[in-house]
Amino acid sequence: MTIDNPTVDRRRLADLHHALQEELSAQTTRLRELSELTADTGDPGADHAALLAATRHSIEQINDALRRVADGSYGVCAKCGAAIPVERLEILPHARFCVPCQAKQKG
């Protein structure tokens, strides 16, 4: 399903897709390096384990954003269906919710 979102034009989507792909590559490299370090030491330690978890979470968010770009739902709030303001997407490109719905998710 393609959703018409005037805040996200084709050029912006192409730029975003490229940026997300670069970030995915960087995070995947980071995960590989952290995993190799864990394998070498045998004991990740709390800080290392937290970095691994955060990196995996970042990769999941990027992949989800790329899926939304591909299916045409990028920039649309997953809760209320409203357009997510482009300013929010510029700051948080993997945002799934508009600010009011995000606040409700955390509250």
N, C-alpha and C. Protein backbone atom coordinates (compact mmCIF):
# COMPACT_ATOMS: atom_id res chain seq x y z
N MET A 1 0.85 -1.17 0.00
CA MET A 1 0.00 0.00 0.00
C MET A 1 0.90 1.23 0.00
N THR A 2 0.62 2.16 -0.88
CA THR A 2 1.36 3.40 -0.93
C THR A 2 0.53 4.49 -0.28
N ILE A 3 1.14 5.18 0.66
CA ILE A 3 0.46 6.25 1.36
C ILE A 3 1.03 7.56 0.87
N ASP A 4 0.16 8.48 0.48
CA ASP A 4 0.60 9.78 0.00
C ASP A 4 0.96 10.65 1.19
N ASN A 5 2.24 10.94 1.33
CA ASN A 5 2.71 11.78 2.43
C ASN A 5 3.45 12.96 1.84
N PRO A 6 2.83 14.14 1.87
CA PRO A 6 3.46 15.29 1.25
C PRO A 6 4.75 15.74 1.94
N THR A 7 4.98 15.31 3.17
CA THR A 7 6.20 15.74 3.86
C THR A 7 7.43 14.96 3.40
N VAL A 8 7.21 13.85 2.70
CA VAL A 8 8.33 13.03 2.27
C VAL A 8 8.29 12.89 0.75
N ASP A 9 9.08 13.70 0.03
CA ASP A 9 9.08 13.63 -1.43
C ASP A 9 10.07 12.57 -1.91
N ARG A 10 10.05 12.30 -3.20
CA ARG A 10 10.87 11.22 -3.76
C ARG A 10 12.38 11.47 -3.57
N ARG A 11 12.82 12.70 -3.77
CA ARG A 11 14.24 13.01 -3.61
C ARG A 11 14.67 12.80 -2.16
N ARG A 12 13.84 13.27 -1.26
CA ARG A 12 14.14 13.11 0.16
C ARG A 12 14.17 11.62 0.52
N LEU A 13 13.26 10.84 -0.04
CA LEU A 13 13.26 9.40 0.21
C LEU A 13 14.52 8.74 -0.33
N ALA A 14 14.95 9.15 -1.51
CA ALA A 14 16.17 8.58 -2.09
C ALA A 14 17.38 8.92 -1.21
N ASP A 15 17.45 10.18 -0.77
CA ASP A 15 18.55 10.59 0.11
C ASP A 15 18.50 9.81 1.42
N LEU A 16 17.31 9.68 1.96
CA LEU A 16 17.13 8.95 3.22
C LEU A 16 17.52 7.48 3.05
N HIS A 17 17.07 6.89 1.97
CA HIS A 17 17.39 5.49 1.71
C HIS A 17 18.91 5.30 1.68
N HIS A 18 19.59 6.18 0.99
CA HIS A 18 21.05 6.12 0.91
C HIS A 18 21.68 6.26 2.29
N ALA A 19 21.22 7.24 3.06
CA ALA A 19 21.76 7.46 4.41
C ALA A 19 21.49 6.26 5.31
N LEU A 20 20.30 5.69 5.23
CA LEU A 20 19.97 4.52 6.04
C LEU A 20 20.83 3.32 5.64
N GLN A 21 21.07 3.16 4.35
CA GLN A 21 21.92 2.06 3.89
C GLN A 21 23.34 2.22 4.43
N GLU A 22 23.86 3.46 4.40
CA GLU A 22 25.20 3.72 4.93
C GLU A 22 25.24 3.44 6.44
N GLU A 23 24.22 3.89 7.15
CA GLU A 23 24.18 3.66 8.60
C GLU A 23 24.05 2.17 8.90
N LEU A 24 23.26 1.46 8.10
CA LEU A 24 23.12 0.01 8.28
C LEU A 24 24.46 -0.67 8.09
N SER A 25 25.20 -0.27 7.08
CA SER A 25 26.52 -0.84 6.84
C SER A 25 27.46 -0.56 8.01
N ALA A 26 27.46 0.68 8.51
CA ALA A 26 28.31 1.04 9.63
C ALA A 26 27.94 0.25 10.89
N GLN A 27 26.64 0.13 11.16
CA GLN A 27 26.20 -0.60 12.35
C GLN A 27 26.48 -2.10 12.23
N THR A 28 26.35 -2.63 11.02
CA THR A 28 26.65 -4.05 10.80
C THR A 28 28.13 -4.31 11.03
N THR A 29 28.99 -3.41 10.55
CA THR A 29 30.43 -3.53 10.79
C THR A 29 30.72 -3.46 12.28
N ARG A 30 30.07 -2.51 12.96
CA ARG A 30 30.27 -2.38 14.41
C ARG A 30 29.85 -3.65 15.13
N LEU A 31 28.71 -4.21 14.75
CA LEU A 31 28.23 -5.44 15.38
C LEU A 31 29.22 -6.58 15.16
N ARG A 32 29.73 -6.69 13.94
CA ARG A 32 30.70 -7.73 13.63
C ARG A 32 31.95 -7.58 14.50
N GLU A 33 32.44 -6.34 14.61
CA GLU A 33 33.64 -6.09 15.43
C GLU A 33 33.38 -6.40 16.90
N LEU A 34 32.24 -5.98 17.41
CA LEU A 34 31.91 -6.26 18.81
C LEU A 34 31.77 -7.76 19.05
N SER A 35 31.16 -8.45 18.10
CA SER A 35 30.97 -9.89 18.22
C SER A 35 32.32 -10.61 18.20
N GLU A 36 33.23 -10.17 17.33
CA GLU A 36 34.55 -10.77 17.27
C GLU A 36 35.32 -10.54 18.57
N LEU A 37 35.17 -9.35 19.14
CA LEU A 37 35.82 -9.04 20.40
C LEU A 37 35.30 -9.95 21.51
N THR A 38 34.01 -10.17 21.51
CA THR A 38 33.40 -11.06 22.50
C THR A 38 33.93 -12.48 22.32
N ALA A 39 34.03 -12.93 21.07
CA ALA A 39 34.53 -14.27 20.81
C ALA A 39 35.98 -14.41 21.25
N ASP A 40 36.77 -13.37 21.05
CA ASP A 40 38.19 -13.40 21.44
C ASP A 40 38.37 -13.45 22.95
N THR A 41 37.57 -12.67 23.67
CA THR A 41 37.74 -12.59 25.12
C THR A 41 36.94 -13.64 25.86
N GLY A 42 35.84 -14.08 25.29
CA GLY A 42 35.00 -15.07 25.94
C GLY A 42 34.06 -14.49 26.99
N ASP A 43 34.29 -13.25 27.38
CA ASP A 43 33.46 -12.60 28.39
C ASP A 43 33.16 -11.18 27.94
N PRO A 44 31.91 -10.94 27.48
CA PRO A 44 31.62 -9.61 26.96
C PRO A 44 31.60 -8.52 28.03
N GLY A 45 31.33 -8.83 29.26
CA GLY A 45 31.20 -7.81 30.28
C GLY A 45 29.91 -7.03 30.06
N ALA A 46 29.47 -6.33 31.10
CA ALA A 46 28.18 -5.62 31.05
C ALA A 46 28.18 -4.51 30.01
N ASP A 47 29.26 -3.71 29.96
CA ASP A 47 29.32 -2.61 29.01
C ASP A 47 29.32 -3.11 27.58
N HIS A 48 30.09 -4.15 27.34
CA HIS A 48 30.19 -4.72 26.00
C HIS A 48 28.85 -5.33 25.58
N ALA A 49 28.20 -6.02 26.49
CA ALA A 49 26.90 -6.62 26.19
C ALA A 49 25.87 -5.53 25.87
N ALA A 50 25.93 -4.42 26.59
CA ALA A 50 25.02 -3.30 26.33
C ALA A 50 25.27 -2.71 24.95
N LEU A 51 26.53 -2.59 24.56
CA LEU A 51 26.86 -2.09 23.22
C LEU A 51 26.34 -3.03 22.14
N LEU A 52 26.50 -4.32 22.36
CA LEU A 52 25.97 -5.30 21.40
C LEU A 52 24.46 -5.17 21.26
N ALA A 53 23.76 -5.07 22.38
CA ALA A 53 22.30 -4.95 22.36
C ALA A 53 21.87 -3.66 21.68
N ALA A 54 22.53 -2.56 21.98
CA ALA A 54 22.19 -1.27 21.37
C ALA A 54 22.44 -1.30 19.87
N THR A 55 23.51 -1.92 19.45
CA THR A 55 23.83 -2.01 18.02
C THR A 55 22.80 -2.87 17.30
N ARG A 56 22.43 -3.99 17.90
CA ARG A 56 21.39 -4.85 17.29
C ARG A 56 20.06 -4.09 17.18
N HIS A 57 19.72 -3.34 18.22
CA HIS A 57 18.48 -2.56 18.20
C HIS A 57 18.53 -1.50 17.10
N SER A 58 19.66 -0.84 16.95
CA SER A 58 19.82 0.16 15.91
C SER A 58 19.65 -0.46 14.52
N ILE A 59 20.21 -1.63 14.31
CA ILE A 59 20.08 -2.33 13.03
C ILE A 59 18.61 -2.67 12.78
N GLU A 60 17.89 -3.12 13.79
CA GLU A 60 16.46 -3.43 13.63
C GLU A 60 15.68 -2.19 13.23
N GLN A 61 15.96 -1.07 13.88
CA GLN A 61 15.26 0.18 13.56
C GLN A 61 15.54 0.63 12.14
N ILE A 62 16.78 0.51 11.70
CA ILE A 62 17.14 0.90 10.34
C ILE A 62 16.44 -0.01 9.34
N ASN A 63 16.47 -1.32 9.58
CA ASN A 63 15.80 -2.26 8.68
C ASN A 63 14.30 -1.98 8.61
N ASP A 64 13.68 -1.67 9.75
CA ASP A 64 12.26 -1.34 9.76
C ASP A 64 11.99 -0.08 8.93
N ALA A 65 12.84 0.93 9.08
CA ALA A 65 12.68 2.17 8.30
C ALA A 65 12.83 1.88 6.81
N LEU A 66 13.80 1.06 6.44
CA LEU A 66 13.98 0.72 5.03
C LEU A 66 12.77 -0.04 4.48
N ARG A 67 12.18 -0.91 5.29
CA ARG A 67 10.96 -1.62 4.86
C ARG A 67 9.81 -0.63 4.63
N ARG A 68 9.69 0.36 5.53
CA ARG A 68 8.63 1.36 5.36
C ARG A 68 8.86 2.21 4.12
N VAL A 69 10.11 2.52 3.82
CA VAL A 69 10.41 3.25 2.58
C VAL A 69 9.96 2.41 1.39
N ALA A 70 10.31 1.13 1.41
CA ALA A 70 9.99 0.23 0.30
C ALA A 70 8.49 0.04 0.11
N ASP A 71 7.74 -0.04 1.22
CA ASP A 71 6.30 -0.30 1.07
C ASP A 71 5.45 0.97 1.00
N GLY A 72 6.10 2.13 1.09
CA GLY A 72 5.38 3.39 0.93
C GLY A 72 4.76 3.94 2.20
N SER A 73 5.04 3.32 3.33
CA SER A 73 4.44 3.79 4.58
C SER A 73 5.40 4.65 5.41
N TYR A 74 6.58 4.93 4.87
CA TYR A 74 7.56 5.74 5.60
C TYR A 74 7.00 7.14 5.80
N GLY A 75 7.18 7.67 7.00
CA GLY A 75 6.73 9.03 7.29
C GLY A 75 5.28 9.11 7.74
N VAL A 76 4.67 7.97 7.95
CA VAL A 76 3.29 7.91 8.41
C VAL A 76 3.28 7.24 9.78
N CYS A 77 2.63 7.87 10.74
CA CYS A 77 2.57 7.35 12.11
C CYS A 77 1.92 5.97 12.11
N ALA A 78 2.60 5.02 12.74
CA ALA A 78 2.09 3.64 12.82
C ALA A 78 0.89 3.52 13.74
N LYS A 79 0.65 4.52 14.56
CA LYS A 79 -0.47 4.48 15.51
C LYS A 79 -1.71 5.18 14.94
N CYS A 80 -1.55 6.46 14.58
CA CYS A 80 -2.73 7.25 14.18
C CYS A 80 -2.86 7.46 12.67
N GLY A 81 -1.81 7.17 11.92
CA GLY A 81 -1.86 7.32 10.47
C GLY A 81 -1.59 8.72 9.96
N ALA A 82 -1.28 9.65 10.85
CA ALA A 82 -0.97 11.02 10.43
C ALA A 82 0.46 11.08 9.88
N ALA A 83 0.70 12.08 9.06
CA ALA A 83 2.06 12.29 8.54
C ALA A 83 2.98 12.71 9.68
N ILE A 84 4.14 12.10 9.72
CA ILE A 84 5.15 12.49 10.70
C ILE A 84 5.88 13.70 10.11
N PRO A 85 5.98 14.80 10.85
CA PRO A 85 6.63 16.00 10.32
C PRO A 85 8.06 15.71 9.85
N VAL A 86 8.40 16.31 8.73
CA VAL A 86 9.72 16.09 8.14
C VAL A 86 10.84 16.47 9.11
N GLU A 87 10.60 17.46 9.95
CA GLU A 87 11.62 17.86 10.93
C GLU A 87 11.93 16.71 11.89
N ARG A 88 10.90 15.99 12.28
CA ARG A 88 11.10 14.83 13.17
C ARG A 88 11.87 13.74 12.44
N LEU A 89 11.53 13.51 11.19
CA LEU A 89 12.20 12.47 10.41
C LEU A 89 13.66 12.82 10.14
N GLU A 90 13.95 14.11 10.01
CA GLU A 90 15.34 14.52 9.81
C GLU A 90 16.17 14.24 11.05
N ILE A 91 15.58 14.41 12.21
CA ILE A 91 16.28 14.18 13.48
C ILE A 91 16.32 12.69 13.81
N LEU A 92 15.22 12.02 13.55
CA LEU A 92 15.07 10.61 13.92
C LEU A 92 14.51 9.85 12.71
N PRO A 93 15.37 9.52 11.73
CA PRO A 93 14.89 8.94 10.48
C PRO A 93 14.14 7.63 10.62
N HIS A 94 14.32 6.92 11.71
CA HIS A 94 13.62 5.65 11.89
C HIS A 94 12.33 5.81 12.70
N ALA A 95 11.90 7.06 12.94
CA ALA A 95 10.69 7.31 13.74
C ALA A 95 9.49 6.57 13.15
N ARG A 96 8.76 5.87 14.01
CA ARG A 96 7.55 5.16 13.61
C ARG A 96 6.28 5.90 14.01
N PHE A 97 6.44 6.82 14.97
CA PHE A 97 5.27 7.50 15.51
C PHE A 97 5.45 9.01 15.45
N CYS A 98 4.33 9.73 15.35
CA CYS A 98 4.37 11.17 15.51
C CYS A 98 4.64 11.46 16.98
N VAL A 99 4.95 12.71 17.32
CA VAL A 99 5.32 13.04 18.69
C VAL A 99 4.21 12.71 19.69
N PRO A 100 2.95 13.11 19.43
CA PRO A 100 1.89 12.78 20.41
C PRO A 100 1.74 11.27 20.64
N CYS A 101 1.80 10.48 19.57
CA CYS A 101 1.65 9.04 19.73
C CYS A 101 2.88 8.43 20.41
N GLN A 102 4.06 8.97 20.14
CA GLN A 102 5.26 8.50 20.82
C GLN A 102 5.16 8.75 22.31
N ALA A 103 4.66 9.91 22.67
CA ALA A 103 4.49 10.25 24.10
C ALA A 103 3.52 9.27 24.76
N LYS A 104 2.46 8.88 24.07
CA LYS A 104 1.51 7.92 24.62
C LYS A 104 2.14 6.53 24.76
N GLN A 105 3.04 6.16 23.82
CA GLN A 105 3.72 4.87 23.87
C GLN A 105 4.57 4.77 25.13
N LYS A 106 5.22 5.86 25.50
CA LYS A 106 6.11 5.85 26.66
C LYS A 106 5.36 6.06 27.96
N GLY A 107 4.21 6.68 27.88
CA GLY A 107 3.45 7.02 29.08
C GLY A 107 2.65 5.88 29.56
